[in-house]
Structures are given as structure tokens and as C-alpha cells.
Amino acid sequence: MPRSFCFRHRRGPLSELRLQQAGDWPAAITSYNHGVGGMKRAQNQVGRDFVRIVKTYDGPAFGFASRNYYAQFLAGAGNCQQPNAVFTVRSTIPISVVQVHVKTSDR
């Protein structure tokens, strides 16, 4: 994963607002997938313990993606810290990049 990807996903005003609304970092980060309101419903139903939310919350939209979003975030963040520890990309095929410029209409 390129280092520039890691630096683009750092804390900012939006993440600070989500932290304030959700109450803790695991809930704030998961709210990017499940929504702040969805995480509030989960906390109201099973409490604020994030592990308990992941294990027991049975909201209709809290499926695989929402349940695993924080774990995937941590895995990605760890890979940013040590990019070659998890994946080594070896390619014998040259990669080419094509830039396309699209004109916008004035409608």
C-alpha cells in the first residue's frame, strides 16, 4: 500500500465530529460504514462495549461489512506502518497508467 494512501486517511475535522457523536474510536470508525445513527442504535440496544456490539448486536443492517469494518481498518493501518510485513507485490507484467480528460457539459 503506498505511503500516500496512509497519510490521506488521517484524523481530521470530520473524524473528530464522528468521535464526539459516537463516543469512542471503534464506534466512530465503524460509523463510516454503518452510520452514526446506526452505531447509536447499537449502543442503546447492547451498551457501549464495542466487542459486545460486534458479538451480539442484531440490527437489520449490521451485517458482515459493518461488523468487520473496524478490524479491517486496524489491519489496513497496521499495513501502513509496516507495508512489507503482510504483502509483497511482485509483478513481471509492466503496469501502465493512462490519463483520461473528460470535458464537462455546460447544461
C-alpha atoms as a PDB file:
ATOM      1  CA  MET A   1       0.000   0.000   0.000  1.00  0.00           C
ATOM      2  CA  PRO A   2       1.534   3.332  -0.979  1.00  0.00           C
ATOM      3  CA  ARG A   3       2.502   5.608   1.908  1.00  0.00           C
ATOM      4  CA  SER A   4       0.457   8.430   0.366  1.00  0.00           C
ATOM      5  CA  PHE A   5      -2.698   6.319   0.942  1.00  0.00           C
ATOM      6  CA  CYS A   6      -1.868   6.051   4.640  1.00  0.00           C
ATOM      7  CA  PHE A   7      -1.350   9.769   5.094  1.00  0.00           C
ATOM      8  CA  ARG A   8      -4.574  10.675   3.258  1.00  0.00           C
ATOM      9  CA  HIS A   9      -6.630   8.752   5.838  1.00  0.00           C
ATOM     10  CA  ARG A  10      -5.510  10.517   8.988  1.00  0.00           C
ATOM     11  CA  ARG A  11      -7.620  12.286  11.574  1.00  0.00           C
ATOM     12  CA  GLY A  12      -9.394  15.453  10.569  1.00  0.00           C
ATOM     13  CA  PRO A  13     -12.410  17.587  11.497  1.00  0.00           C
ATOM     14  CA  LEU A  14     -14.928  15.026  10.205  1.00  0.00           C
ATOM     15  CA  SER A  15     -13.398  12.151  12.169  1.00  0.00           C
ATOM     16  CA  GLU A  16     -13.272  14.327  15.311  1.00  0.00           C
ATOM     17  CA  LEU A  17     -17.002  15.064  14.884  1.00  0.00           C
ATOM     18  CA  ARG A  18     -17.766  11.357  14.465  1.00  0.00           C
ATOM     19  CA  LEU A  19     -15.722  10.587  17.591  1.00  0.00           C
ATOM     20  CA  GLN A  20     -17.731  13.153  19.531  1.00  0.00           C
ATOM     21  CA  GLN A  21     -21.033  11.742  18.220  1.00  0.00           C
ATOM     22  CA  ALA A  22     -20.175   8.042  18.596  1.00  0.00           C
ATOM     23  CA  GLY A  23     -18.263   8.272  21.871  1.00  0.00           C
ATOM     24  CA  ASP A  24     -15.176   6.170  21.114  1.00  0.00           C
ATOM     25  CA  TRP A  25     -12.848   5.416  18.196  1.00  0.00           C
ATOM     26  CA  PRO A  26     -14.117   1.909  17.331  1.00  0.00           C
ATOM     27  CA  ALA A  27     -17.708   3.188  17.086  1.00  0.00           C
ATOM     28  CA  ALA A  28     -16.608   6.357  15.246  1.00  0.00           C
ATOM     29  CA  ILE A  29     -14.649   4.386  12.648  1.00  0.00           C
ATOM     30  CA  THR A  30     -17.437   1.822  12.223  1.00  0.00           C
ATOM     31  CA  SER A  31     -19.871   4.697  11.727  1.00  0.00           C
ATOM     32  CA  TYR A  32     -18.183   5.405   8.380  1.00  0.00           C
ATOM     33  CA  ASN A  33     -19.765   2.136   7.241  1.00  0.00           C
ATOM     34  CA  HIS A  34     -22.849   1.812   9.441  1.00  0.00           C
ATOM     35  CA  GLY A  35     -23.647   5.476  10.107  1.00  0.00           C
ATOM     36  CA  VAL A  36     -23.570   7.437  13.342  1.00  0.00           C
ATOM     37  CA  GLY A  37     -27.280   6.784  13.922  1.00  0.00           C
ATOM     38  CA  GLY A  38     -26.780   3.060  13.372  1.00  0.00           C
ATOM     39  CA  MET A  39     -23.972   2.949  15.913  1.00  0.00           C
ATOM     40  CA  LYS A  40     -26.089   4.933  18.388  1.00  0.00           C
ATOM     41  CA  ARG A  41     -28.894   2.343  17.978  1.00  0.00           C
ATOM     42  CA  ALA A  42     -26.396  -0.456  18.587  1.00  0.00           C
ATOM     43  CA  GLN A  43     -25.065   1.269  21.717  1.00  0.00           C
ATOM     44  CA  ASN A  44     -28.592   1.876  23.009  1.00  0.00           C
ATOM     45  CA  GLN A  45     -29.515  -1.778  22.483  1.00  0.00           C
ATOM     46  CA  VAL A  46     -26.444  -3.594  23.859  1.00  0.00           C
ATOM     47  CA  GLY A  47     -24.339  -0.927  25.602  1.00  0.00           C
ATOM     48  CA  ARG A  48     -21.172   0.956  24.697  1.00  0.00           C
ATOM     49  CA  ASP A  49     -18.752  -2.013  24.850  1.00  0.00           C
ATOM     50  CA  PHE A  50     -17.627  -2.353  21.227  1.00  0.00           C
ATOM     51  CA  VAL A  51     -16.732  -6.050  21.490  1.00  0.00           C
ATOM     52  CA  ARG A  52     -20.221  -6.732  22.832  1.00  0.00           C
ATOM     53  CA  ILE A  53     -21.737  -4.744  19.947  1.00  0.00           C
ATOM     54  CA  VAL A  54     -19.818  -6.799  17.386  1.00  0.00           C
ATOM     55  CA  LYS A  55     -20.700 -10.092  19.057  1.00  0.00           C
ATOM     56  CA  THR A  56     -24.344  -9.539  19.992  1.00  0.00           C
ATOM     57  CA  TYR A  57     -25.976  -6.626  18.159  1.00  0.00           C
ATOM     58  CA  ASP A  58     -28.568  -7.942  15.712  1.00  0.00           C
ATOM     59  CA  GLY A  59     -29.672  -4.790  13.897  1.00  0.00           C
ATOM     60  CA  PRO A  60     -31.030  -5.500  10.410  1.00  0.00           C
ATOM     61  CA  ALA A  61     -28.289  -3.550   8.600  1.00  0.00           C
ATOM     62  CA  PHE A  62     -25.432  -4.586  10.905  1.00  0.00           C
ATOM     63  CA  GLY A  63     -24.106  -7.362   8.705  1.00  0.00           C
ATOM     64  CA  PHE A  64     -20.688  -8.675   7.766  1.00  0.00           C
ATOM     65  CA  ALA A  65     -19.340  -5.367   6.414  1.00  0.00           C
ATOM     66  CA  SER A  66     -20.343  -3.287   9.442  1.00  0.00           C
ATOM     67  CA  ARG A  67     -19.367  -5.985  11.942  1.00  0.00           C
ATOM     68  CA  ASN A  68     -15.862  -6.281  10.463  1.00  0.00           C
ATOM     69  CA  TYR A  69     -15.215  -2.661   9.431  1.00  0.00           C
ATOM     70  CA  TYR A  70     -13.092  -1.711  12.472  1.00  0.00           C
ATOM     71  CA  ALA A  71     -10.990  -4.883  12.270  1.00  0.00           C
ATOM     72  CA  GLN A  72     -10.324  -4.196   8.585  1.00  0.00           C
ATOM     73  CA  PHE A  73      -9.384  -0.608   9.429  1.00  0.00           C
ATOM     74  CA  LEU A  74      -6.868  -1.827  12.034  1.00  0.00           C
ATOM     75  CA  ALA A  75      -5.397  -4.320   9.573  1.00  0.00           C
ATOM     76  CA  GLY A  76      -5.007  -1.599   6.958  1.00  0.00           C
ATOM     77  CA  ALA A  77      -3.482   0.814   9.470  1.00  0.00           C
ATOM     78  CA  GLY A  78      -1.025  -1.868  10.560  1.00  0.00           C
ATOM     79  CA  ASN A  79      -0.083  -2.485   6.958  1.00  0.00           C
ATOM     80  CA  CYS A  80       0.636   1.252   6.564  1.00  0.00           C
ATOM     81  CA  GLN A  81       3.038   1.023   9.499  1.00  0.00           C
ATOM     82  CA  GLN A  82       4.880  -1.995   8.052  1.00  0.00           C
ATOM     83  CA  PRO A  83       3.883  -2.286   4.375  1.00  0.00           C
ATOM     84  CA  ASN A  84       6.082  -5.295   3.566  1.00  0.00           C
ATOM     85  CA  ALA A  85       5.149  -7.292   6.665  1.00  0.00           C
ATOM     86  CA  VAL A  86       1.880  -8.568   5.200  1.00  0.00           C
ATOM     87  CA  PHE A  87       2.077  -8.312   1.432  1.00  0.00           C
ATOM     88  CA  THR A  88       4.932  -8.426  -1.014  1.00  0.00           C
ATOM     89  CA  VAL A  89       3.896  -7.467  -4.509  1.00  0.00           C
ATOM     90  CA  ARG A  90       5.953  -8.960  -7.276  1.00  0.00           C
ATOM     91  CA  SER A  91       4.889  -8.385 -10.822  1.00  0.00           C
ATOM     92  CA  THR A  92       6.567  -9.411 -14.034  1.00  0.00           C
ATOM     93  CA  ILE A  93       3.934  -7.572 -16.053  1.00  0.00           C
ATOM     94  CA  PRO A  94       4.673  -3.881 -16.586  1.00  0.00           C
ATOM     95  CA  ILE A  95       1.942  -1.585 -15.320  1.00  0.00           C
ATOM     96  CA  SER A  96       0.887   1.326 -17.473  1.00  0.00           C
ATOM     97  CA  VAL A  97      -1.180   4.315 -16.440  1.00  0.00           C
ATOM     98  CA  VAL A  98      -3.483   6.118 -18.846  1.00  0.00           C
ATOM     99  CA  GLN A  99      -4.800   9.565 -18.075  1.00  0.00           C
ATOM    100  CA  VAL A 100      -8.188  10.490 -19.497  1.00  0.00           C
ATOM    101  CA  HIS A 101      -9.504  14.060 -19.581  1.00  0.00           C
ATOM    102  CA  VAL A 102     -13.295  14.352 -19.646  1.00  0.00           C
ATOM    103  CA  LYS A 103     -14.979  17.504 -20.827  1.00  0.00           C
ATOM    104  CA  THR A 104     -17.941  18.670 -18.750  1.00  0.00           C
ATOM    105  CA  SER A 105     -21.110  19.902 -20.372  1.00  0.00           C
ATOM    106  CA  ASP A 106     -22.490  23.382 -19.686  1.00  0.00           C
ATOM    107  CA  ARG A 107     -26.095  22.220 -19.390  1.00  0.00           C
END
